[in-house]
């Protein structure tokens, strides 16, 4: 059984623990030496696909100034 990491210490080292878990290491986080949770990587994540929104048109009206009524709502 892997070592149980204290919750307080795990908060300070979360980024490193995530790296270790994604590398295949079994990470247990607990309180008072008793395991509470297991940190495991998510399986089946697809890598980002660049250009997913390619061709999306942004209307020119988006950049028009707000009317006085709309501006008043923000104040």
PDB file of N, CA and C in Angstrom:
ATOM      1  N   UNK A   1       0.850  -1.183   0.000  1.00  0.00           N
ATOM      2  CA  UNK A   1       0.000   0.000   0.000  1.00  0.00           C
ATOM      3  C   UNK A   1       0.891   1.240   0.000  1.00  0.00           C
ATOM      4  N   UNK A   2       0.586   2.223  -0.853  1.00  0.00           N
ATOM      5  CA  UNK A   2       1.421   3.425  -0.925  1.00  0.00           C
ATOM      6  C   UNK A   2       1.295   4.264   0.346  1.00  0.00           C
ATOM      7  N   UNK A   3       2.262   5.131   0.524  1.00  0.00           N
ATOM      8  CA  UNK A   3       2.276   6.031   1.676  1.00  0.00           C
ATOM      9  C   UNK A   3       1.110   7.012   1.579  1.00  0.00           C
ATOM     10  N   UNK A   4       0.509   7.330   2.708  1.00  0.00           N
ATOM     11  CA  UNK A   4      -0.600   8.286   2.753  1.00  0.00           C
ATOM     12  C   UNK A   4      -0.016   9.672   2.992  1.00  0.00           C
ATOM     13  N   UNK A   5      -0.293  10.601   2.072  1.00  0.00           N
ATOM     14  CA  UNK A   5       0.190  11.967   2.207  1.00  0.00           C
ATOM     15  C   UNK A   5      -0.839  12.778   2.985  1.00  0.00           C
ATOM     16  N   UNK A   6      -0.369  13.540   3.928  1.00  0.00           N
ATOM     17  CA  UNK A   6      -1.223  14.393   4.737  1.00  0.00           C
ATOM     18  C   UNK A   6      -1.890  15.447   3.853  1.00  0.00           C
ATOM     19  N   UNK A   7      -3.149  15.734   4.105  1.00  0.00           N
ATOM     20  CA  UNK A   7      -3.916  16.699   3.317  1.00  0.00           C
ATOM     21  C   UNK A   7      -3.242  18.065   3.293  1.00  0.00           C
ATOM     22  N   UNK A   8      -2.724  18.503   4.416  1.00  0.00           N
ATOM     23  CA  UNK A   8      -2.063  19.802   4.499  1.00  0.00           C
ATOM     24  C   UNK A   8      -0.864  19.855   3.548  1.00  0.00           C
ATOM     25  N   UNK A   9      -0.055  18.802   3.563  1.00  0.00           N
ATOM     26  CA  UNK A   9       1.117  18.739   2.684  1.00  0.00           C
ATOM     27  C   UNK A   9       0.699  18.608   1.220  1.00  0.00           C
ATOM     28  N   UNK A  10      -0.376  17.875   0.968  1.00  0.00           N
ATOM     29  CA  UNK A  10      -0.837  17.673  -0.404  1.00  0.00           C
ATOM     30  C   UNK A  10      -1.283  18.991  -1.034  1.00  0.00           C
ATOM     31  N   UNK A  11      -1.903  19.865  -0.238  1.00  0.00           N
ATOM     32  CA  UNK A  11      -2.331  21.161  -0.769  1.00  0.00           C
ATOM     33  C   UNK A  11      -1.134  21.969  -1.250  1.00  0.00           C
ATOM     34  N   UNK A  12      -0.043  21.884  -0.508  1.00  0.00           N
ATOM     35  CA  UNK A  12       1.152  22.656  -0.856  1.00  0.00           C
ATOM     36  C   UNK A  12       1.885  22.063  -2.055  1.00  0.00           C
ATOM     37  N   UNK A  13       1.656  20.781  -2.358  1.00  0.00           N
ATOM     38  CA  UNK A  13       2.399  20.100  -3.422  1.00  0.00           C
ATOM     39  C   UNK A  13       1.478  19.548  -4.512  1.00  0.00           C
ATOM     40  N   UNK A  14       0.295  20.107  -4.656  1.00  0.00           N
ATOM     41  CA  UNK A  14      -0.696  19.530  -5.564  1.00  0.00           C
ATOM     42  C   UNK A  14      -0.181  19.381  -6.989  1.00  0.00           C
ATOM     43  N   UNK A  15       0.499  20.379  -7.495  1.00  0.00           N
ATOM     44  CA  UNK A  15       0.999  20.304  -8.865  1.00  0.00           C
ATOM     45  C   UNK A  15       1.955  19.123  -9.045  1.00  0.00           C
ATOM     46  N   UNK A  16       2.864  18.929  -8.093  1.00  0.00           N
ATOM     47  CA  UNK A  16       3.801  17.806  -8.172  1.00  0.00           C
ATOM     48  C   UNK A  16       3.087  16.468  -8.031  1.00  0.00           C
ATOM     49  N   UNK A  17       2.082  16.427  -7.163  1.00  0.00           N
ATOM     50  CA  UNK A  17       1.325  15.185  -6.978  1.00  0.00           C
ATOM     51  C   UNK A  17       0.569  14.814  -8.247  1.00  0.00           C
ATOM     52  N   UNK A  18       0.024  15.804  -8.926  1.00  0.00           N
ATOM     53  CA  UNK A  18      -0.676  15.545 -10.188  1.00  0.00           C
ATOM     54  C   UNK A  18       0.294  14.994 -11.220  1.00  0.00           C
ATOM     55  N   UNK A  19       1.490  15.575 -11.296  1.00  0.00           N
ATOM     56  CA  UNK A  19       2.507  15.063 -12.227  1.00  0.00           C
ATOM     57  C   UNK A  19       2.848  13.608 -11.912  1.00  0.00           C
ATOM     58  N   UNK A  20       2.995  13.304 -10.632  1.00  0.00           N
ATOM     59  CA  UNK A  20       3.328  11.930 -10.240  1.00  0.00           C
ATOM     60  C   UNK A  20       2.189  10.965 -10.570  1.00  0.00           C
ATOM     61  N   UNK A  21       0.954  11.403 -10.327  1.00  0.00           N
ATOM     62  CA  UNK A  21      -0.204  10.536 -10.603  1.00  0.00           C
ATOM     63  C   UNK A  21      -0.354  10.287 -12.099  1.00  0.00           C
ATOM     64  N   UNK A  22      -0.142  11.314 -12.920  1.00  0.00           N
ATOM     65  CA  UNK A  22      -0.260  11.115 -14.363  1.00  0.00           C
ATOM     66  C   UNK A  22       0.875  10.259 -14.908  1.00  0.00           C
ATOM     67  N   UNK A  23       1.974  10.168 -14.147  1.00  0.00           N
ATOM     68  CA  UNK A  23       3.080   9.297 -14.543  1.00  0.00           C
ATOM     69  C   UNK A  23       2.842   7.853 -14.102  1.00  0.00           C
ATOM     70  N   UNK A  24       1.723   7.609 -13.400  1.00  0.00           N
ATOM     71  CA  UNK A  24       1.374   6.243 -13.031  1.00  0.00           C
ATOM     72  C   UNK A  24       1.539   5.899 -11.563  1.00  0.00           C
ATOM     73  N   UNK A  25       2.017   6.838 -10.772  1.00  0.00           N
ATOM     74  CA  UNK A  25       2.210   6.559  -9.342  1.00  0.00           C
ATOM     75  C   UNK A  25       0.865   6.601  -8.604  1.00  0.00           C
ATOM     76  N   UNK A  26       0.721   5.752  -7.616  1.00  0.00           N
ATOM     77  CA  UNK A  26      -0.486   5.695  -6.801  1.00  0.00           C
ATOM     78  C   UNK A  26      -0.351   6.708  -5.670  1.00  0.00           C
ATOM     79  N   UNK A  27      -1.222   7.705  -5.630  1.00  0.00           N
ATOM     80  CA  UNK A  27      -1.146   8.766  -4.632  1.00  0.00           C
ATOM     81  C   UNK A  27      -2.371   8.690  -3.727  1.00  0.00           C
ATOM     82  N   UNK A  28      -2.142   8.534  -2.425  1.00  0.00           N
ATOM     83  CA  UNK A  28      -3.223   8.541  -1.443  1.00  0.00           C
ATOM     84  C   UNK A  28      -3.100   9.796  -0.592  1.00  0.00           C
ATOM     85  N   UNK A  29      -4.227  10.462  -0.368  1.00  0.00           N
ATOM     86  CA  UNK A  29      -4.253  11.659   0.465  1.00  0.00           C
ATOM     87  C   UNK A  29      -5.181  11.358   1.630  1.00  0.00           C
ATOM     88  N   UNK A  30      -4.712  11.706   2.829  1.00  0.00           N
ATOM     89  CA  UNK A  30      -5.510  11.385   3.998  1.00  0.00           C
ATOM     90  C   UNK A  30      -5.376  12.402   5.100  1.00  0.00           C
ATOM     91  N   UNK A  31      -6.021  12.077   6.194  1.00  0.00           N
ATOM     92  CA  UNK A  31      -5.993  12.917   7.381  1.00  0.00           C
ATOM     93  C   UNK A  31      -5.652  12.022   8.566  1.00  0.00           C
ATOM     94  N   UNK A  32      -4.713  12.443   9.366  1.00  0.00           N
ATOM     95  CA  UNK A  32      -4.270  11.693  10.544  1.00  0.00           C
ATOM     96  C   UNK A  32      -3.810  10.281  10.180  1.00  0.00           C
ATOM     97  N   UNK A  33      -3.167  10.155   9.012  1.00  0.00           N
ATOM     98  CA  UNK A  33      -2.631   8.871   8.584  1.00  0.00           C
ATOM     99  C   UNK A  33      -3.653   7.913   7.995  1.00  0.00           C
ATOM    100  N   UNK A  34      -4.909   8.326   7.936  1.00  0.00           N
ATOM    101  CA  UNK A  34      -5.951   7.464   7.374  1.00  0.00           C
ATOM    102  C   UNK A  34      -6.282   7.930   5.958  1.00  0.00           C
ATOM    103  N   UNK A  35      -6.224   7.040   4.972  1.00  0.00           N
ATOM    104  CA  UNK A  35      -6.491   7.444   3.592  1.00  0.00           C
ATOM    105  C   UNK A  35      -7.930   7.902   3.407  1.00  0.00           C
ATOM    106  N   UNK A  36      -8.084   9.014   2.674  1.00  0.00           N
ATOM    107  CA  UNK A  36      -9.406   9.547   2.352  1.00  0.00           C
ATOM    108  C   UNK A  36      -9.705   9.451   0.863  1.00  0.00           C
ATOM    109  N   UNK A  37      -8.719   9.806   0.041  1.00  0.00           N
ATOM    110  CA  UNK A  37      -8.933   9.836  -1.407  1.00  0.00           C
ATOM    111  C   UNK A  37      -7.695   9.307  -2.127  1.00  0.00           C
ATOM    112  N   UNK A  38      -7.903   8.887  -3.369  1.00  0.00           N
ATOM    113  CA  UNK A  38      -6.829   8.442  -4.233  1.00  0.00           C
ATOM    114  C   UNK A  38      -6.780   9.401  -5.421  1.00  0.00           C
ATOM    115  N   UNK A  39      -5.606   9.900  -5.728  1.00  0.00           N
ATOM    116  CA  UNK A  39      -5.407  10.797  -6.856  1.00  0.00           C
ATOM    117  C   UNK A  39      -5.044   9.955  -8.069  1.00  0.00           C
ATOM    118  N   UNK A  40      -5.919   9.971  -9.070  1.00  0.00           N
ATOM    119  CA  UNK A  40      -5.690   9.176 -10.281  1.00  0.00           C
ATOM    120  C   UNK A  40      -5.922  10.049 -11.510  1.00  0.00           C
ATOM    121  N   UNK A  41      -5.218   9.754 -12.600  1.00  0.00           N
ATOM    122  CA  UNK A  41      -5.439  10.533 -13.824  1.00  0.00           C
ATOM    123  C   UNK A  41      -6.759  10.149 -14.484  1.00  0.00           C
ATOM    124  N   UNK A  42      -7.328  11.081 -15.204  1.00  0.00           N
ATOM    125  CA  UNK A  42      -8.547  10.837 -15.970  1.00  0.00           C
ATOM    126  C   UNK A  42      -8.161  10.071 -17.227  1.00  0.00           C
ATOM    127  N   UNK A  43      -8.883   9.016 -17.514  1.00  0.00           N
ATOM    128  CA  UNK A  43      -8.577   8.207 -18.693  1.00  0.00           C
ATOM    129  C   UNK A  43      -9.424   8.654 -19.876  1.00  0.00           C
ATOM    130  N   UNK A  44      -8.877   8.512 -21.057  1.00  0.00           N
ATOM    131  CA  UNK A  44      -9.630   8.770 -22.279  1.00  0.00           C
ATOM    132  C   UNK A  44      -9.757  10.226 -22.668  1.00  0.00           C
ATOM    133  N   UNK A  45      -8.944  11.106 -22.085  1.00  0.00           N
ATOM    134  CA  UNK A  45      -9.003  12.503 -22.487  1.00  0.00           C
ATOM    135  C   UNK A  45      -8.406  12.660 -23.882  1.00  0.00           C
ATOM    136  N   UNK A  46      -9.124  13.312 -24.745  1.00  0.00           N
ATOM    137  CA  UNK A  46      -8.615  13.565 -26.095  1.00  0.00           C
ATOM    138  C   UNK A  46      -7.813  14.861 -26.087  1.00  0.00           C
ATOM    139  N   UNK A  47      -6.716  14.913 -26.793  1.00  0.00           N
ATOM    140  CA  UNK A  47      -5.962  16.166 -26.867  1.00  0.00           C
ATOM    141  C   UNK A  47      -6.772  17.238 -27.586  1.00  0.00           C
ATOM    142  N   UNK A  48      -6.467  18.474 -27.264  1.00  0.00           N
ATOM    143  CA  UNK A  48      -7.160  19.592 -27.911  1.00  0.00           C
ATOM    144  C   UNK A  48      -6.945  19.544 -29.417  1.00  0.00           C
ATOM    145  N   UNK A  49      -7.973  19.912 -30.145  1.00  0.00           N
ATOM    146  CA  UNK A  49      -7.891  19.977 -31.591  1.00  0.00           C
ATOM    147  C   UNK A  49      -7.795  21.440 -32.008  1.00  0.00           C
ATOM    148  N   UNK A  50      -6.619  21.884 -32.461  1.00  0.00           N
ATOM    149  CA  UNK A  50      -6.491  23.273 -32.889  1.00  0.00           C
ATOM    150  C   UNK A  50      -7.421  23.567 -34.066  1.00  0.00           C
ATOM    151  N   UNK A  51      -7.949  24.765 -34.072  1.00  0.00           N
ATOM    152  CA  UNK A  51      -8.799  25.179 -35.178  1.00  0.00           C
ATOM    153  C   UNK A  51     -10.244  24.753 -35.048  1.00  0.00           C
ATOM    154  N   UNK A  52     -10.651  24.352 -33.856  1.00  0.00           N
ATOM    155  CA  UNK A  52     -12.017  23.880 -33.656  1.00  0.00           C
ATOM    156  C   UNK A  52     -13.039  24.956 -34.024  1.00  0.00           C
ATOM    157  N   UNK A  53     -12.732  26.220 -33.765  1.00  0.00           N
ATOM    158  CA  UNK A  53     -13.659  27.319 -34.054  1.00  0.00           C
ATOM    159  C   UNK A  53     -13.287  28.072 -35.335  1.00  0.00           C
ATOM    160  N   UNK A  54     -12.468  27.460 -36.163  1.00  0.00           N
ATOM    161  CA  UNK A  54     -12.046  28.097 -37.406  1.00  0.00           C
ATOM    162  C   UNK A  54     -13.275  28.422 -38.252  1.00  0.00           C
ATOM    163  N   UNK A  55     -13.297  29.628 -38.779  1.00  0.00           N
ATOM    164  CA  UNK A  55     -14.414  30.041 -39.612  1.00  0.00           C
ATOM    165  C   UNK A  55     -15.549  30.682 -38.832  1.00  0.00           C
ATOM    166  N   UNK A  56     -15.447  30.733 -37.510  1.00  0.00           N
ATOM    167  CA  UNK A  56     -16.484  31.358 -36.697  1.00  0.00           C
ATOM    168  C   UNK A  56     -16.468  32.852 -36.968  1.00  0.00           C
ATOM    169  N   UNK A  57     -17.589  33.401 -37.343  1.00  0.00           N
ATOM    170  CA  UNK A  57     -17.668  34.821 -37.663  1.00  0.00           C
ATOM    171  C   UNK A  57     -18.150  35.600 -36.446  1.00  0.00           C
ATOM    172  N   UNK A  58     -17.447  36.680 -36.133  1.00  0.00           N
ATOM    173  CA  UNK A  58     -17.842  37.565 -35.044  1.00  0.00           C
ATOM    174  C   UNK A  58     -18.504  38.776 -35.686  1.00  0.00           C
ATOM    175  N   UNK A  59     -19.759  39.026 -35.341  1.00  0.00           N
ATOM    176  CA  UNK A  59     -20.463  40.153 -35.981  1.00  0.00           C
ATOM    177  C   UNK A  59     -19.836  41.489 -35.598  1.00  0.00           C
ATOM    178  N   UNK A  60     -19.791  42.411 -36.547  1.00  0.00           N
ATOM    179  CA  UNK A  60     -19.226  43.738 -36.300  1.00  0.00           C
ATOM    180  C   UNK A  60     -19.996  44.488 -35.222  1.00  0.00           C
ATOM    181  N   UNK A  61     -21.294  44.185 -35.056  1.00  0.00           N
ATOM    182  CA  UNK A  61     -22.124  44.875 -34.068  1.00  0.00           C
ATOM    183  C   UNK A  61     -21.611  44.634 -32.643  1.00  0.00           C
ATOM    184  N   UNK A  62     -20.862  43.582 -32.456  1.00  0.00           N
ATOM    185  CA  UNK A  62     -20.333  43.275 -31.136  1.00  0.00           C
ATOM    186  C   UNK A  62     -19.455  44.409 -30.613  1.00  0.00           C
ATOM    187  N   UNK A  63     -18.827  45.142 -31.512  1.00  0.00           N
ATOM    188  CA  UNK A  63     -17.896  46.198 -31.127  1.00  0.00           C
ATOM    189  C   UNK A  63     -18.521  47.585 -31.153  1.00  0.00           C
ATOM    190  N   UNK A  64     -19.816  47.670 -31.430  1.00  0.00           N
ATOM    191  CA  UNK A  64     -20.510  48.963 -31.411  1.00  0.00           C
ATOM    192  C   UNK A  64     -20.622  49.455 -29.972  1.00  0.00           C
ATOM    193  N   UNK A  65     -20.618  50.790 -29.782  1.00  0.00           N
ATOM    194  CA  UNK A  65     -20.783  51.321 -28.421  1.00  0.00           C
ATOM    195  C   UNK A  65     -22.170  50.970 -27.868  1.00  0.00           C
ATOM    196  N   UNK A  66     -22.256  50.870 -26.552  1.00  0.00           N
ATOM    197  CA  UNK A  66     -23.531  50.580 -25.910  1.00  0.00           C
ATOM    198  C   UNK A  66     -24.428  51.807 -25.932  1.00  0.00           C
ATOM    199  N   UNK A  67     -25.721  51.562 -25.969  1.00  0.00           N
ATOM    200  CA  UNK A  67     -26.665  52.678 -25.891  1.00  0.00           C
ATOM    201  C   UNK A  67     -26.645  53.223 -24.463  1.00  0.00           C
ATOM    202  N   UNK A  68     -27.220  54.412 -24.263  1.00  0.00           N
ATOM    203  CA  UNK A  68     -27.234  55.011 -22.931  1.00  0.00           C
ATOM    204  C   UNK A  68     -27.999  54.135 -21.948  1.00  0.00           C
ATOM    205  N   UNK A  69     -29.069  53.485 -22.395  1.00  0.00           N
ATOM    206  CA  UNK A  69     -29.851  52.613 -21.514  1.00  0.00           C
ATOM    207  C   UNK A  69     -29.002  51.418 -21.060  1.00  0.00           C
ATOM    208  N   UNK A  70     -28.253  50.822 -21.989  1.00  0.00           N
ATOM    209  CA  UNK A  70     -27.396  49.686 -21.636  1.00  0.00           C
ATOM    210  C   UNK A  70     -26.262  50.111 -20.715  1.00  0.00           C
ATOM    211  N   UNK A  71     -25.696  51.284 -20.964  1.00  0.00           N
ATOM    212  CA  UNK A  71     -24.625  51.789 -20.110  1.00  0.00           C
ATOM    213  C   UNK A  71     -25.129  52.023 -18.685  1.00  0.00           C
ATOM    214  N   UNK A  72     -26.364  52.511 -18.575  1.00  0.00           N
ATOM    215  CA  UNK A  72     -26.941  52.785 -17.256  1.00  0.00           C
ATOM    216  C   UNK A  72     -27.090  51.487 -16.458  1.00  0.00           C
ATOM    217  N   UNK A  73     -27.326  50.376 -17.121  1.00  0.00           N
ATOM    218  CA  UNK A  73     -27.458  49.106 -16.433  1.00  0.00           C
ATOM    219  C   UNK A  73     -26.141  48.664 -15.797  1.00  0.00           C
ATOM    220  N   UNK A  74     -25.022  49.117 -16.346  1.00  0.00           N
ATOM    221  CA  UNK A  74     -23.710  48.737 -15.822  1.00  0.00           C
ATOM    222  C   UNK A  74     -23.248  49.626 -14.675  1.00  0.00           C
ATOM    223  N   UNK A  75     -23.942  50.712 -14.445  1.00  0.00           N
ATOM    224  CA  UNK A  75     -23.521  51.641 -13.380  1.00  0.00           C
ATOM    225  C   UNK A  75     -24.171  51.327 -12.073  1.00  0.00           C
TER     226      UNK A  75
END
